[in-house]
Protein backbone atom coordinates (compact mmCIF):
# COMPACT_ATOMS: atom_id res chain seq x y z
CA MET A 1 -29.67 2.51 -46.21
CA SER A 2 -26.32 4.08 -47.12
CA GLU A 3 -26.88 6.70 -44.43
CA SER A 4 -27.51 4.07 -41.75
CA LEU A 5 -24.35 2.19 -42.79
CA ALA A 6 -22.36 5.40 -42.62
CA VAL A 7 -23.71 6.18 -39.16
CA GLY A 8 -22.97 2.62 -38.03
CA ARG A 9 -19.40 2.85 -39.24
CA ALA A 10 -18.90 6.22 -37.61
CA ALA A 11 -20.26 4.89 -34.33
CA ALA A 12 -18.12 1.81 -34.60
CA ARG A 13 -14.86 3.72 -34.90
CA PRO A 14 -14.71 4.96 -31.25
CA ALA A 15 -15.65 1.49 -30.01
CA ALA A 16 -12.90 -0.06 -32.11
CA ALA A 17 -10.42 2.44 -30.73
CA ARG A 18 -11.22 1.66 -27.09
CA PRO A 19 -9.50 -1.74 -26.87
CA ALA A 20 -6.25 -0.18 -28.17
CA ALA A 21 -6.50 2.69 -25.66
CA ARG A 22 -6.98 0.46 -22.62
CA PRO A 23 -3.69 -1.46 -22.93
CA ALA A 24 -1.84 1.85 -23.38
CA ALA A 25 -3.44 3.23 -20.22
CA ALA A 26 -2.66 0.03 -18.37
CA ARG A 27 0.98 0.20 -19.48
CA ALA A 28 1.21 3.82 -18.34
CA ALA A 29 -0.25 2.91 -14.95
CA ALA A 30 2.16 -0.01 -14.64
CA LEU A 31 5.15 2.27 -15.23
CA ASP A 32 4.26 5.13 -12.92
CA PRO A 33 7.06 6.22 -10.52
CA ARG A 34 5.63 4.32 -7.55
CA ARG A 35 5.37 1.09 -9.51
CA LYS A 36 8.93 1.44 -10.79
CA LEU A 37 10.21 1.86 -7.24
CA GLN A 38 8.12 -1.11 -6.07
CA LEU A 39 9.64 -3.26 -8.81
CA ALA A 40 13.14 -2.12 -7.82
CA LEU A 41 12.37 -3.12 -4.22
CA GLY A 42 11.09 -6.47 -5.47
CA VAL A 43 14.34 -7.03 -7.37
CA ILE A 44 16.38 -6.41 -4.21
CA TRP A 45 14.20 -8.90 -2.29
CA VAL A 46 14.78 -11.48 -5.03
CA LEU A 47 18.52 -10.81 -4.80
CA ASP A 48 18.33 -11.38 -1.03
CA GLY A 49 16.59 -14.68 -1.60
CA ILE A 50 19.25 -15.76 -4.08
CA LEU A 51 22.03 -14.76 -1.67
CA GLN A 52 20.34 -16.78 1.06
CA TYR A 53 20.64 -19.87 -1.16
CA GLN A 54 24.46 -19.61 -1.18
CA PRO A 55 26.16 -22.83 0.00
CA SER A 56 27.78 -21.09 2.99
CA MET A 57 24.33 -20.19 4.34
CA PHE A 58 23.56 -23.88 4.79
CA THR A 59 26.48 -24.31 7.20
CA LYS A 60 27.12 -23.33 10.81
CA SER A 61 28.64 -20.08 9.55
CA PHE A 62 25.16 -18.62 9.08
CA PRO A 63 23.85 -19.04 12.67
CA ASP A 64 27.27 -18.07 14.02
CA MET A 65 27.03 -14.82 12.06
CA LEU A 66 23.57 -14.17 13.47
CA ALA A 67 24.73 -14.84 17.04
CA GLN A 68 27.36 -12.11 16.74
CA SER A 69 24.62 -9.47 16.55
CA ALA A 70 23.76 -10.17 20.22
CA ARG A 71 27.06 -8.68 21.40
CA GLY A 72 26.69 -5.50 23.43
CA ASN A 73 22.89 -5.55 23.38
CA PRO A 74 20.78 -5.56 26.57
CA ALA A 75 19.92 -9.02 27.87
CA ALA A 76 16.27 -8.68 26.83
CA ILE A 77 17.39 -8.09 23.24
CA ALA A 78 20.37 -10.43 23.16
CA GLY A 79 18.55 -13.44 24.68
CA PRO A 80 16.11 -14.01 21.80
CA ILE A 81 18.92 -13.47 19.27
CA THR A 82 21.04 -16.17 20.90
CA TRP A 83 18.07 -18.53 21.17
CA SER A 84 17.15 -17.97 17.51
CA ALA A 85 20.73 -18.54 16.33
CA SER A 86 20.89 -21.76 18.36
CA LEU A 87 17.61 -23.01 16.88
CA ILE A 88 18.79 -22.23 13.35
CA GLY A 89 22.08 -23.99 14.05
CA HIS A 90 20.25 -27.23 14.88
CA HIS A 91 18.10 -27.09 11.72
CA VAL A 92 20.20 -24.88 9.45
CA VAL A 93 19.44 -26.61 6.15
CA VAL A 94 15.66 -26.64 6.53
CA LEU A 95 15.33 -23.20 8.12
CA ASN A 96 17.75 -21.47 5.77
CA ALA A 97 15.91 -22.92 2.76
CA LEU A 98 12.69 -21.59 4.30
CA PHE A 99 14.20 -18.13 4.86
CA ALA A 100 15.51 -17.96 1.29
CA THR A 101 12.16 -19.04 -0.13
CA ILE A 102 10.30 -16.45 1.95
CA GLN A 103 12.52 -13.64 0.68
CA LEU A 104 12.21 -14.85 -2.88
CA ALA A 105 8.42 -14.99 -2.49
CA LEU A 106 8.34 -11.45 -1.09
CA GLY A 107 10.18 -10.13 -4.13
CA LEU A 108 8.00 -11.99 -6.60
CA GLY A 109 4.86 -10.97 -4.69
CA ILE A 110 5.82 -7.29 -4.92
CA ALA A 111 6.43 -7.72 -8.65
CA TRP A 112 3.01 -9.34 -9.16
CA ARG A 113 0.49 -6.51 -8.96
CA PRO A 114 -2.45 -8.50 -7.49
CA ALA A 115 -0.24 -9.54 -4.54
CA VAL A 116 1.63 -6.28 -3.98
CA ARG A 117 -0.28 -5.21 -0.86
CA LEU A 118 0.03 -8.60 0.80
CA ALA A 119 3.71 -8.86 -0.11
CA LEU A 120 4.53 -5.37 1.17
CA ALA A 121 2.69 -6.04 4.43
CA ALA A 122 4.48 -9.37 4.86
CA SER A 123 7.82 -7.71 4.09
CA ILE A 124 7.27 -5.24 6.94
CA ALA A 125 6.68 -8.03 9.46
CA TRP A 126 9.59 -10.10 8.11
CA SER A 127 11.97 -7.11 8.06
CA LEU A 128 11.24 -6.12 11.65
CA ALA A 129 11.75 -9.70 12.86
CA VAL A 130 15.08 -9.99 11.01
CA TRP A 131 16.12 -6.53 12.20
CA TRP A 132 15.92 -7.84 15.76
CA LEU A 133 16.94 -11.49 15.47
CA GLY A 134 19.36 -11.13 12.57
CA GLU A 135 20.89 -7.66 12.97
CA GLY A 136 20.45 -6.86 16.66
CA PHE A 137 18.67 -3.61 15.74
CA GLY A 138 21.71 -2.54 13.72
CA GLY A 139 23.84 -2.05 16.84
CA ILE A 140 21.80 1.00 17.92
CA LEU A 141 21.32 -0.26 21.48
CA ALA A 142 24.85 -1.67 21.63
CA GLY A 143 26.43 1.69 20.81
CA THR A 144 28.16 0.30 17.72
CA ALA A 145 25.89 1.83 15.08
CA SER A 146 27.76 3.54 12.26
CA PRO A 147 26.42 4.57 8.85
CA VAL A 148 29.70 3.41 7.28
CA SER A 149 29.06 -0.14 8.51
CA GLY A 150 25.37 -0.14 7.58
CA ALA A 151 23.48 1.37 10.53
CA PRO A 152 20.62 1.43 11.33
CA GLY A 153 20.65 -1.99 9.67
CA PRO A 154 19.81 -2.56 6.00
CA VAL A 155 16.81 -4.77 6.74
CA VAL A 156 14.81 -2.07 8.54
CA LEU A 157 15.03 0.03 5.36
CA TYR A 158 12.95 -2.64 3.60
CA ALA A 159 10.14 -2.03 6.11
CA ILE A 160 10.38 1.76 5.71
CA LEU A 161 10.30 1.45 1.93
CA ALA A 162 7.27 -0.84 2.08
CA VAL A 163 5.41 1.89 3.98
CA LEU A 164 6.54 4.71 1.68
CA LEU A 165 5.68 2.73 -1.46
CA TRP A 166 2.33 1.46 -0.22
CA PRO A 167 -0.20 1.56 -3.08
CA ALA A 168 -2.47 4.24 -1.63
CA ASP A 169 -3.08 7.93 -2.29
CA ARG A 170 -3.71 9.48 1.11
CA ASP A 171 -2.39 12.79 -0.21
CA PRO A 172 -2.89 12.76 -4.02
CA GLY A 173 -1.56 16.30 -4.40
CA ALA A 174 1.78 15.56 -2.75
CA PRO A 175 4.78 16.09 -5.05
CA SER A 176 6.55 12.83 -4.16
CA VAL A 177 5.68 9.14 -4.16
CA ALA A 178 6.32 8.89 -0.41
CA GLY A 179 4.12 11.91 0.29
CA ARG A 180 1.24 10.53 -1.76
CA ALA A 181 1.39 7.20 0.05
CA ILE A 182 1.41 8.38 3.69
CA GLY A 183 0.92 12.14 3.51
CA ARG A 184 3.39 15.00 3.23
CA ARG A 185 4.00 15.57 6.94
CA PRO A 186 4.44 11.91 7.90
CA ALA A 187 6.79 11.44 4.93
CA ARG A 188 8.88 14.42 6.01
CA ALA A 189 9.00 13.03 9.54
CA VAL A 190 10.29 9.69 8.24
CA TRP A 191 12.97 11.45 6.19
CA LEU A 192 14.05 13.65 9.11
CA VAL A 193 14.25 10.76 11.56
CA LEU A 194 16.14 8.46 9.21
CA TRP A 195 18.77 10.87 7.86
CA GLY A 196 18.98 12.74 11.16
CA SER A 197 19.68 9.48 12.99
CA LEU A 198 22.36 8.62 10.42
CA ALA A 199 23.99 12.00 11.15
CA ALA A 200 23.87 11.22 14.89
CA PHE A 201 25.33 7.75 14.36
CA ALA A 202 28.23 9.32 12.45
CA LEU A 203 29.20 11.16 15.65
CA LEU A 204 29.08 8.15 17.97
CA PRO A 205 32.39 6.77 19.30
CA ALA A 206 31.99 3.81 16.92
CA SER A 207 32.35 6.27 14.03
CA ARG A 208 34.48 9.10 15.36
CA ALA A 209 37.26 7.00 16.93
CA PRO A 210 40.60 7.70 15.18
CA GLY A 211 40.64 4.49 13.16
CA ALA A 212 36.96 3.55 13.14
CA ILE A 213 36.09 4.57 9.58
CA SER A 214 39.42 3.30 8.29
CA VAL A 215 38.83 -0.14 9.84
CA ALA A 216 35.30 -0.27 8.41
CA LEU A 217 36.66 0.51 4.94
CA SER A 218 39.33 -2.17 5.30
CA ASP A 219 36.65 -4.68 6.28
CA GLY A 220 34.69 -3.74 3.16
CA ALA A 221 37.73 -4.53 1.03
CA ASP A 222 37.92 -8.12 2.29
CA GLY A 223 36.85 -10.54 -0.43
CA ALA A 224 35.92 -7.72 -2.83
CA PRO A 225 36.99 -7.69 -6.49
CA ALA A 226 40.31 -5.98 -7.21
CA TRP A 227 38.83 -2.65 -8.32
CA LEU A 228 36.59 -2.34 -5.26
CA ALA A 229 39.29 -3.53 -2.86
CA TRP A 230 41.62 -0.90 -4.35
CA ILE A 231 39.07 1.89 -3.73
CA ASP A 232 38.36 0.82 -0.15
CA ALA A 233 42.04 0.25 0.66
CA ARG A 234 43.06 3.68 -0.66
CA ALA A 235 40.20 5.36 1.21
CA ALA A 236 41.10 3.48 4.40
CA SER A 237 44.72 4.57 4.09
CA ALA A 238 43.76 8.21 3.47
CA LEU A 239 41.46 8.31 6.51
CA SER A 240 43.61 6.28 8.89
CA TYR A 241 44.63 9.38 10.87
CA HIS A 242 41.60 11.54 10.11
CA GLY A 243 38.73 9.57 11.63
CA LEU A 244 37.23 12.45 13.62
CA PRO A 245 37.23 15.04 10.78
CA ALA A 246 35.82 12.41 8.42
CA SER A 247 33.00 11.50 10.81
CA ILE A 248 32.18 15.19 11.37
CA ALA A 249 32.12 15.87 7.62
CA LEU A 250 29.88 12.86 7.06
CA ALA A 251 27.56 13.96 9.88
CA VAL A 252 27.26 17.47 8.40
CA LEU A 253 26.37 16.12 4.95
CA LEU A 254 23.79 13.74 6.41
CA ALA A 255 22.31 16.55 8.51
CA LEU A 256 22.01 18.76 5.41
CA VAL A 257 20.16 15.97 3.64
CA ALA A 258 17.83 15.57 6.62
CA ALA A 259 17.02 19.28 6.95
CA ALA A 260 16.50 19.97 3.24
CA VAL A 261 13.22 18.03 3.14
CA CYS A 262 11.50 21.07 4.71
CA LEU A 263 12.75 23.43 1.99
CA PRO A 264 11.25 24.27 -1.45
CA PRO A 265 11.34 21.61 -4.22
CA PRO A 266 14.64 22.74 -5.81
CA ALA A 267 16.43 22.26 -2.48
CA VAL A 268 14.70 18.90 -1.99
CA ARG A 269 15.91 17.76 -5.41
CA ALA A 270 19.45 18.78 -4.47
CA ALA A 271 19.10 16.88 -1.19
CA VAL A 272 17.88 13.76 -3.01
CA VAL A 273 20.89 13.92 -5.36
CA LEU A 274 23.24 14.36 -2.40
CA ALA A 275 21.52 11.49 -0.60
CA MET A 276 22.07 9.23 -3.61
CA VAL A 277 25.74 10.23 -3.82
CA LEU A 278 26.17 9.42 -0.12
CA ALA A 279 24.29 6.13 -0.62
CA ALA A 280 26.70 5.21 -3.43
CA ALA A 281 29.69 6.10 -1.24
CA LEU A 282 28.33 3.99 1.63
CA CYS A 283 27.71 1.12 -0.78
CA LEU A 284 31.37 1.18 -1.84
CA ALA A 285 32.53 1.58 1.77
CA GLN A 286 30.57 -1.54 2.72
CA GLY A 287 32.09 -3.56 -0.10
CA MET A 288 28.70 -3.57 -1.84
CA GLY A 289 27.28 -5.52 1.09
CA GLU A 290 30.17 -8.03 0.83
CA LEU A 291 28.39 -9.59 -2.13
CA PHE A 292 31.55 -11.33 -3.27
CA THR A 293 32.44 -13.06 -0.01
CA GLY A 294 29.83 -15.81 -0.14
CA MET A 295 28.38 -14.67 3.19
CA ALA A 296 26.32 -11.65 2.09
CA THR A 297 22.61 -11.66 2.93
CA ASP A 298 21.79 -8.32 1.25
CA PRO A 299 23.47 -5.65 -0.90
CA GLY A 300 24.00 -3.38 2.12
CA SER A 301 22.27 -0.15 3.05
CA GLY A 302 23.46 1.89 0.03
CA PRO A 303 21.01 0.70 -2.66
CA LEU A 304 18.11 0.86 -0.20
CA LEU A 305 18.96 4.41 0.86
CA ALA A 306 19.16 5.43 -2.80
CA LEU A 307 15.78 3.86 -3.51
CA LEU A 308 14.29 5.58 -0.48
CA ALA A 309 15.71 8.92 -1.61
CA LEU A 310 14.11 8.51 -5.04
CA SER A 311 10.72 8.04 -3.40
CA PHE A 312 11.03 11.67 -2.20
CA TRP A 313 11.90 13.16 -5.59
CA PRO A 314 9.52 16.11 -6.03
CA ALA A 315 7.65 16.08 -9.31
CA ALA A 316 4.76 18.15 -10.60
CA PRO A 317 1.41 16.42 -9.95
CA THR A 318 0.08 14.69 -13.05
CA ALA A 319 -2.80 16.63 -14.55
CA ALA A 320 -5.98 14.70 -15.02
CA PRO A 321 -6.85 14.18 -18.70
CA THR A 322 -9.64 16.44 -19.93
CA ALA A 323 -12.33 15.18 -22.23
CA ALA A 324 -12.46 16.69 -25.70
CA PRO A 325 -15.48 18.95 -26.24
CA MET A 326 -18.30 17.28 -28.12
CA LYS A 327 -19.38 18.83 -31.36
CA GLU A 328 -22.99 19.65 -31.79
CA ALA A 329 -24.85 17.56 -34.32
């Protein structure tokens, strides 16, 4: 009888250990790099929703701001923007409350694991609609796109991030989160197109004009706290007569970031670090998305570019756990 009790206790020990192991595994899965980036994206969506609830957004200032994005765009693009802004202007309280709630729901949906796929899919559709009707495609078709002022439009970066952070493993052996989600080659193509287009935008007349970057920095200082206004004002003053060299230098750095994705992992890591430094600089240049003016709808392109860069950080694939060899009886 003592032998049977001993065997029972020995057999019970692994079973008793299993419940403690499962929560640990679940916590590890919840904190993997992709999930961390998803949660960061969810936080930014929640911030957008909160910003949309600002009192100024319930006034005519909000639709008037949207209508400005129609300027310089082709008629086929500008017409729907003007119509949408007019519609919002007639029902600004109801529609703005709806917009704010949608953005808040997207952030909370991404944070809630059972709804993450639905929320990411909805965020893609919402982002593309706002990119057109709210940002006029970031001024790309109007010829006013500049990375210093937020081109290609912060909201389209939400859609790109939703794709790169999609909870799927199409290429499990890829070294980055973005590569595992959509495959190494498609991920590299996204990186090249995005950062390469930013380099091209930096050379457009809207960026390379003598005072273009200086004016953009001065605009970023409006309504900013004293420390941020001081940084932007000093930078604007320093670049007031050096717009062309500054735009060329920015274009070269952005082009280096774009090209490095095809190089070995050490170069990719360096490119990701450089991309994050540039994202921080753009965030400051944009007055942190004008968060302190009461009219901000997002934190600007800087935080989103930094988050996107982190999704390409090359890491060694996680080795699958091996079972311990069983001892013979």
